[in-house]
Amino acid sequence: MIQRVISYIYKRTLYKVYRSHVNKKLQARLKNKNFSLISNNCIGGITCSDLVQPFNSPTVGCFFYSDCYLKFCENLKHYLSLELEQATSSKYIDSYPYILGKLGDIEIHFIHDASFAEVKEKWERRKKTR
């Protein structure tokens, strides 16, 4: 058991050192520092964090089901012109422990925020910086 714990700690430490080294190389190669990542999950936020860049995308901290994400990307200007509303139910799942938003006919699942007011404030602020 103790050997497994030591192995786990060693691998995690090695991974952090490796990731830090890789991130520094990526940061040095980054030319355009004014960008917005439109992502269907948390990978956009992770990428911005790794590159030490601000969250300029309204999609940071949320996820879309694939058909909603595709609609959103296909008509980005239209959906970003709509006002974000709080949804009361999902067409995908019956129960969810997070904030559910909608833009017209698409759902956005906000998994990291505590209130719709917080979600909406971040969405509007980041939408302007894109």
N, C-alpha and C. Protein backbone atom coordinates (compact mmCIF):
# COMPACT_ATOMS: atom_id res chain seq x y z
N MET A 1 0.82 -1.20 0.00
CA MET A 1 0.00 0.00 0.00
C MET A 1 0.86 1.26 0.00
N ILE A 2 1.85 1.32 0.85
CA ILE A 2 2.70 2.51 0.94
C ILE A 2 3.45 2.75 -0.37
N GLN A 3 3.82 1.66 -1.03
CA GLN A 3 4.52 1.77 -2.31
C GLN A 3 3.61 2.42 -3.36
N ARG A 4 2.32 2.09 -3.33
CA ARG A 4 1.37 2.67 -4.27
C ARG A 4 1.22 4.17 -4.02
N VAL A 5 1.19 4.56 -2.76
CA VAL A 5 1.06 5.98 -2.41
C VAL A 5 2.29 6.74 -2.87
N ILE A 6 3.46 6.20 -2.62
CA ILE A 6 4.71 6.84 -3.05
C ILE A 6 4.74 6.94 -4.57
N SER A 7 4.36 5.90 -5.25
CA SER A 7 4.32 5.90 -6.72
C SER A 7 3.36 6.98 -7.22
N TYR A 8 2.21 7.07 -6.59
CA TYR A 8 1.21 8.07 -7.00
C TYR A 8 1.78 9.49 -6.81
N ILE A 9 2.36 9.76 -5.66
CA ILE A 9 2.92 11.08 -5.37
C ILE A 9 4.05 11.40 -6.35
N TYR A 10 4.90 10.44 -6.63
CA TYR A 10 6.00 10.63 -7.56
C TYR A 10 5.47 10.97 -8.95
N LYS A 11 4.49 10.22 -9.42
CA LYS A 11 3.93 10.47 -10.75
C LYS A 11 3.28 11.84 -10.82
N ARG A 12 2.53 12.22 -9.78
CA ARG A 12 1.87 13.54 -9.77
C ARG A 12 2.90 14.67 -9.79
N THR A 13 3.96 14.52 -9.01
CA THR A 13 5.00 15.55 -8.96
C THR A 13 5.71 15.64 -10.30
N LEU A 14 6.04 14.50 -10.87
CA LEU A 14 6.70 14.46 -12.18
C LEU A 14 5.81 15.09 -13.23
N TYR A 15 4.53 14.80 -13.18
CA TYR A 15 3.58 15.36 -14.14
C TYR A 15 3.52 16.88 -14.01
N LYS A 16 3.48 17.40 -12.78
CA LYS A 16 3.43 18.85 -12.58
C LYS A 16 4.69 19.52 -13.13
N VAL A 17 5.84 18.95 -12.89
CA VAL A 17 7.10 19.51 -13.40
C VAL A 17 7.09 19.47 -14.93
N TYR A 18 6.68 18.35 -15.51
CA TYR A 18 6.62 18.21 -16.97
C TYR A 18 5.65 19.22 -17.55
N ARG A 19 4.46 19.31 -16.96
CA ARG A 19 3.43 20.21 -17.49
C ARG A 19 3.91 21.66 -17.39
N SER A 20 4.54 22.03 -16.29
CA SER A 20 5.06 23.37 -16.11
C SER A 20 6.10 23.70 -17.19
N HIS A 21 6.98 22.74 -17.47
CA HIS A 21 8.02 22.92 -18.49
C HIS A 21 7.40 23.08 -19.88
N VAL A 22 6.45 22.24 -20.21
CA VAL A 22 5.77 22.31 -21.50
C VAL A 22 5.00 23.63 -21.61
N ASN A 23 4.30 24.02 -20.55
CA ASN A 23 3.53 25.26 -20.58
C ASN A 23 4.41 26.48 -20.81
N LYS A 24 5.60 26.49 -20.21
CA LYS A 24 6.51 27.61 -20.40
C LYS A 24 6.95 27.69 -21.87
N LYS A 25 7.18 26.55 -22.49
CA LYS A 25 7.54 26.53 -23.91
C LYS A 25 6.38 27.04 -24.76
N LEU A 26 5.17 26.59 -24.45
CA LEU A 26 3.99 27.04 -25.20
C LEU A 26 3.76 28.53 -25.00
N GLN A 27 3.91 29.02 -23.79
CA GLN A 27 3.73 30.45 -23.51
C GLN A 27 4.73 31.28 -24.31
N ALA A 28 5.97 30.80 -24.41
CA ALA A 28 6.99 31.52 -25.15
C ALA A 28 6.68 31.57 -26.64
N ARG A 29 6.04 30.54 -27.16
CA ARG A 29 5.73 30.48 -28.59
C ARG A 29 4.45 31.23 -28.95
N LEU A 30 3.65 31.58 -27.96
CA LEU A 30 2.37 32.23 -28.20
C LEU A 30 2.58 33.64 -28.74
N LYS A 31 2.10 33.90 -29.94
CA LYS A 31 2.26 35.22 -30.58
C LYS A 31 1.03 36.09 -30.34
N ASN A 32 -0.15 35.54 -30.60
CA ASN A 32 -1.39 36.28 -30.43
C ASN A 32 -1.90 36.08 -29.01
N LYS A 33 -1.86 37.13 -28.23
CA LYS A 33 -2.30 37.01 -26.83
C LYS A 33 -3.69 37.60 -26.63
N ASN A 34 -4.37 37.91 -27.71
CA ASN A 34 -5.72 38.45 -27.65
C ASN A 34 -6.64 37.50 -28.41
N PHE A 35 -7.02 36.41 -27.77
CA PHE A 35 -7.83 35.41 -28.45
C PHE A 35 -8.94 34.93 -27.53
N SER A 36 -9.90 34.29 -28.13
CA SER A 36 -11.02 33.70 -27.40
C SER A 36 -11.20 32.28 -27.89
N LEU A 37 -11.27 31.34 -26.97
CA LEU A 37 -11.50 29.94 -27.33
C LEU A 37 -12.97 29.60 -27.12
N ILE A 38 -13.60 29.14 -28.15
CA ILE A 38 -14.99 28.70 -28.05
C ILE A 38 -14.94 27.18 -27.91
N SER A 39 -15.18 26.72 -26.71
CA SER A 39 -15.03 25.31 -26.40
C SER A 39 -16.35 24.75 -25.88
N ASN A 40 -16.57 23.45 -26.09
CA ASN A 40 -17.80 22.84 -25.60
C ASN A 40 -17.66 22.26 -24.20
N ASN A 41 -16.49 22.46 -23.59
CA ASN A 41 -16.29 21.95 -22.22
C ASN A 41 -15.17 22.75 -21.56
N CYS A 42 -14.65 22.27 -20.46
CA CYS A 42 -13.67 23.02 -19.67
C CYS A 42 -12.28 23.11 -20.30
N ILE A 43 -12.06 22.48 -21.40
CA ILE A 43 -10.72 22.49 -22.00
C ILE A 43 -10.28 23.89 -22.41
N GLY A 44 -11.24 24.75 -22.78
CA GLY A 44 -10.90 26.14 -23.11
C GLY A 44 -10.30 26.87 -21.92
N GLY A 45 -10.91 26.70 -20.75
CA GLY A 45 -10.40 27.33 -19.53
C GLY A 45 -9.05 26.76 -19.11
N ILE A 46 -8.90 25.45 -19.25
CA ILE A 46 -7.63 24.81 -18.91
C ILE A 46 -6.52 25.32 -19.83
N THR A 47 -6.83 25.44 -21.11
CA THR A 47 -5.85 25.93 -22.08
C THR A 47 -5.44 27.36 -21.74
N CYS A 48 -6.42 28.23 -21.46
CA CYS A 48 -6.10 29.61 -21.08
C CYS A 48 -5.25 29.65 -19.81
N SER A 49 -5.57 28.81 -18.84
CA SER A 49 -4.78 28.75 -17.61
C SER A 49 -3.35 28.31 -17.90
N ASP A 50 -3.21 27.26 -18.71
CA ASP A 50 -1.87 26.76 -19.04
C ASP A 50 -1.03 27.81 -19.76
N LEU A 51 -1.68 28.64 -20.57
CA LEU A 51 -0.97 29.67 -21.32
C LEU A 51 -0.89 31.00 -20.57
N VAL A 52 -1.42 31.02 -19.35
CA VAL A 52 -1.47 32.21 -18.51
C VAL A 52 -2.12 33.37 -19.28
N GLN A 53 -3.28 33.10 -19.82
CA GLN A 53 -4.05 34.08 -20.58
C GLN A 53 -5.40 34.31 -19.90
N PRO A 54 -5.97 35.51 -20.06
CA PRO A 54 -7.27 35.78 -19.44
C PRO A 54 -8.38 34.96 -20.09
N PHE A 55 -9.45 34.77 -19.37
CA PHE A 55 -10.62 34.06 -19.90
C PHE A 55 -11.43 35.06 -20.72
N ASN A 56 -11.17 35.11 -22.02
CA ASN A 56 -11.87 36.02 -22.92
C ASN A 56 -13.05 35.37 -23.61
N SER A 57 -13.39 34.19 -23.23
CA SER A 57 -14.47 33.48 -23.89
C SER A 57 -15.66 33.30 -22.95
N PRO A 58 -16.85 33.56 -23.42
CA PRO A 58 -18.01 33.32 -22.57
C PRO A 58 -18.23 31.84 -22.26
N THR A 59 -17.63 30.95 -23.03
CA THR A 59 -17.86 29.52 -22.84
C THR A 59 -16.96 28.88 -21.79
N VAL A 60 -16.14 29.66 -21.10
CA VAL A 60 -15.30 29.12 -20.04
C VAL A 60 -16.19 28.73 -18.86
N GLY A 61 -15.99 27.54 -18.32
CA GLY A 61 -16.71 27.10 -17.12
C GLY A 61 -18.08 26.51 -17.40
N CYS A 62 -18.31 26.10 -18.62
CA CYS A 62 -19.60 25.50 -18.95
C CYS A 62 -19.40 24.37 -19.95
N PHE A 63 -20.48 23.66 -20.22
CA PHE A 63 -20.40 22.67 -21.30
C PHE A 63 -21.70 22.66 -22.08
N PHE A 64 -21.59 22.21 -23.31
CA PHE A 64 -22.72 22.08 -24.23
C PHE A 64 -22.84 20.61 -24.62
N TYR A 65 -24.04 20.14 -24.82
CA TYR A 65 -24.20 18.87 -25.50
C TYR A 65 -23.91 19.13 -26.97
N SER A 66 -23.47 18.11 -27.68
CA SER A 66 -22.89 18.30 -29.02
C SER A 66 -23.80 19.01 -30.00
N ASP A 67 -25.09 18.68 -30.06
CA ASP A 67 -25.94 19.35 -31.05
C ASP A 67 -26.11 20.83 -30.73
N CYS A 68 -26.18 21.19 -29.46
CA CYS A 68 -26.26 22.60 -29.08
C CYS A 68 -24.95 23.32 -29.39
N TYR A 69 -23.83 22.67 -29.14
CA TYR A 69 -22.52 23.27 -29.42
C TYR A 69 -22.36 23.52 -30.92
N LEU A 70 -22.76 22.57 -31.73
CA LEU A 70 -22.64 22.75 -33.18
C LEU A 70 -23.52 23.90 -33.67
N LYS A 71 -24.75 23.98 -33.17
CA LYS A 71 -25.63 25.10 -33.52
C LYS A 71 -25.00 26.42 -33.10
N PHE A 72 -24.48 26.45 -31.88
CA PHE A 72 -23.85 27.66 -31.34
C PHE A 72 -22.69 28.11 -32.25
N CYS A 73 -21.83 27.19 -32.62
CA CYS A 73 -20.67 27.52 -33.46
C CYS A 73 -21.07 27.90 -34.88
N GLU A 74 -22.08 27.24 -35.42
CA GLU A 74 -22.51 27.52 -36.78
C GLU A 74 -23.11 28.92 -36.92
N ASN A 75 -23.69 29.43 -35.84
CA ASN A 75 -24.33 30.74 -35.90
C ASN A 75 -23.94 31.55 -34.66
N LEU A 76 -22.65 31.67 -34.45
CA LEU A 76 -22.09 32.29 -33.26
C LEU A 76 -22.59 33.73 -33.06
N LYS A 77 -22.56 34.51 -34.11
CA LYS A 77 -22.99 35.91 -34.00
C LYS A 77 -24.45 36.01 -33.53
N HIS A 78 -25.30 35.17 -34.08
CA HIS A 78 -26.71 35.17 -33.69
C HIS A 78 -26.87 34.80 -32.21
N TYR A 79 -26.28 33.70 -31.80
CA TYR A 79 -26.46 33.25 -30.42
C TYR A 79 -25.84 34.21 -29.41
N LEU A 80 -24.72 34.83 -29.77
CA LEU A 80 -24.12 35.79 -28.85
C LEU A 80 -24.89 37.10 -28.79
N SER A 81 -25.77 37.32 -29.74
CA SER A 81 -26.62 38.52 -29.70
C SER A 81 -27.84 38.32 -28.79
N LEU A 82 -28.14 37.07 -28.46
CA LEU A 82 -29.30 36.77 -27.60
C LEU A 82 -28.95 36.98 -26.13
N GLU A 83 -29.96 37.25 -25.34
CA GLU A 83 -29.76 37.39 -23.91
C GLU A 83 -29.78 36.02 -23.25
N LEU A 84 -28.80 35.77 -22.41
CA LEU A 84 -28.74 34.51 -21.67
C LEU A 84 -29.87 34.46 -20.66
N GLU A 85 -30.62 33.36 -20.67
CA GLU A 85 -31.73 33.17 -19.74
C GLU A 85 -31.48 31.93 -18.91
N GLN A 86 -32.10 31.88 -17.75
CA GLN A 86 -32.00 30.69 -16.92
C GLN A 86 -33.06 29.70 -17.37
N ALA A 87 -32.67 28.46 -17.59
CA ALA A 87 -33.59 27.41 -18.00
C ALA A 87 -34.12 26.69 -16.77
N THR A 88 -35.32 26.17 -16.89
CA THR A 88 -35.93 25.46 -15.77
C THR A 88 -35.89 23.95 -15.95
N SER A 89 -35.60 23.49 -17.18
CA SER A 89 -35.48 22.06 -17.42
C SER A 89 -34.56 21.83 -18.61
N SER A 90 -34.06 20.62 -18.68
CA SER A 90 -33.14 20.23 -19.75
C SER A 90 -33.78 19.19 -20.65
N LYS A 91 -33.48 19.28 -21.94
CA LYS A 91 -33.97 18.25 -22.85
C LYS A 91 -33.07 17.01 -22.85
N TYR A 92 -31.96 17.07 -22.12
CA TYR A 92 -31.00 15.97 -22.11
C TYR A 92 -31.04 15.15 -20.84
N ILE A 93 -31.22 15.81 -19.70
CA ILE A 93 -31.17 15.11 -18.42
C ILE A 93 -32.31 15.59 -17.52
N ASP A 94 -32.72 14.72 -16.61
CA ASP A 94 -33.83 15.04 -15.71
C ASP A 94 -33.40 15.88 -14.52
N SER A 95 -32.22 15.63 -14.02
CA SER A 95 -31.76 16.28 -12.81
C SER A 95 -30.32 16.75 -13.00
N TYR A 96 -30.01 17.93 -12.48
CA TYR A 96 -28.66 18.46 -12.61
C TYR A 96 -28.36 19.36 -11.40
N PRO A 97 -27.16 19.25 -10.84
CA PRO A 97 -26.81 20.00 -9.63
C PRO A 97 -26.06 21.31 -9.93
N TYR A 98 -26.39 21.97 -11.01
CA TYR A 98 -25.69 23.17 -11.42
C TYR A 98 -26.67 24.11 -12.12
N ILE A 99 -26.16 25.24 -12.58
CA ILE A 99 -26.98 26.26 -13.24
C ILE A 99 -27.16 25.89 -14.71
N LEU A 100 -28.38 25.97 -15.18
CA LEU A 100 -28.68 25.68 -16.58
C LEU A 100 -29.15 26.96 -17.26
N GLY A 101 -28.49 27.31 -18.35
CA GLY A 101 -28.85 28.51 -19.11
C GLY A 101 -29.31 28.14 -20.50
N LYS A 102 -29.89 29.11 -21.18
CA LYS A 102 -30.29 28.88 -22.56
C LYS A 102 -30.15 30.17 -23.36
N LEU A 103 -29.82 29.97 -24.62
CA LEU A 103 -29.79 31.03 -25.61
C LEU A 103 -30.69 30.56 -26.73
N GLY A 104 -31.88 31.10 -26.81
CA GLY A 104 -32.82 30.62 -27.81
C GLY A 104 -33.12 29.15 -27.61
N ASP A 105 -32.76 28.33 -28.61
CA ASP A 105 -33.05 26.90 -28.57
C ASP A 105 -31.88 26.03 -28.11
N ILE A 106 -30.82 26.64 -27.61
CA ILE A 106 -29.69 25.83 -27.13
C ILE A 106 -29.53 25.94 -25.62
N GLU A 107 -29.06 24.85 -25.02
CA GLU A 107 -28.81 24.79 -23.58
C GLU A 107 -27.32 24.94 -23.31
N ILE A 108 -27.02 25.62 -22.21
CA ILE A 108 -25.64 25.74 -21.74
C ILE A 108 -25.63 25.34 -20.28
N HIS A 109 -24.76 24.42 -19.94
CA HIS A 109 -24.67 23.88 -18.59
C HIS A 109 -23.47 24.51 -17.87
N PHE A 110 -23.74 25.33 -16.87
CA PHE A 110 -22.71 26.05 -16.12
C PHE A 110 -22.40 25.29 -14.83
N ILE A 111 -21.28 24.62 -14.82
CA ILE A 111 -20.99 23.68 -13.73
C ILE A 111 -20.13 24.24 -12.60
N HIS A 112 -19.59 25.45 -12.78
CA HIS A 112 -18.66 25.97 -11.77
C HIS A 112 -19.18 27.17 -10.99
N ASP A 113 -20.36 27.64 -11.27
CA ASP A 113 -20.85 28.86 -10.64
C ASP A 113 -21.97 28.56 -9.65
N ALA A 114 -22.13 29.46 -8.68
CA ALA A 114 -23.09 29.23 -7.61
C ALA A 114 -24.47 29.81 -7.87
N SER A 115 -24.56 30.82 -8.75
CA SER A 115 -25.86 31.45 -8.98
C SER A 115 -25.98 31.88 -10.44
N PHE A 116 -27.22 32.04 -10.89
CA PHE A 116 -27.44 32.51 -12.26
C PHE A 116 -26.93 33.94 -12.43
N ALA A 117 -27.05 34.75 -11.41
CA ALA A 117 -26.55 36.13 -11.48
C ALA A 117 -25.05 36.15 -11.76
N GLU A 118 -24.31 35.26 -11.09
CA GLU A 118 -22.86 35.14 -11.31
C GLU A 118 -22.58 34.66 -12.73
N VAL A 119 -23.32 33.67 -13.18
CA VAL A 119 -23.18 33.13 -14.54
C VAL A 119 -23.40 34.24 -15.57
N LYS A 120 -24.48 34.97 -15.41
CA LYS A 120 -24.85 36.00 -16.38
C LYS A 120 -23.82 37.13 -16.41
N GLU A 121 -23.33 37.54 -15.24
CA GLU A 121 -22.32 38.60 -15.18
C GLU A 121 -21.06 38.18 -15.93
N LYS A 122 -20.58 36.96 -15.68
CA LYS A 122 -19.38 36.45 -16.35
C LYS A 122 -19.62 36.32 -17.86
N TRP A 123 -20.78 35.79 -18.23
CA TRP A 123 -21.12 35.59 -19.64
C TRP A 123 -21.08 36.94 -20.38
N GLU A 124 -21.75 37.93 -19.84
CA GLU A 124 -21.82 39.24 -20.49
C GLU A 124 -20.44 39.91 -20.57
N ARG A 125 -19.68 39.84 -19.49
CA ARG A 125 -18.34 40.45 -19.49
C ARG A 125 -17.42 39.78 -20.49
N ARG A 126 -17.42 38.45 -20.52
CA ARG A 126 -16.52 37.72 -21.42
C ARG A 126 -16.99 37.81 -22.86
N LYS A 127 -18.27 37.95 -23.06
CA LYS A 127 -18.82 38.08 -24.41
C LYS A 127 -18.30 39.38 -25.05
N LYS A 128 -18.12 40.41 -24.27
CA LYS A 128 -17.64 41.69 -24.77
C LYS A 128 -16.16 41.65 -25.13
N THR A 129 -15.39 40.79 -24.48
CA THR A 129 -13.94 40.75 -24.72
C THR A 129 -13.55 39.84 -25.86
N ARG A 130 -14.46 39.07 -26.37
CA ARG A 130 -14.12 38.12 -27.43
C ARG A 130 -13.71 38.83 -28.64
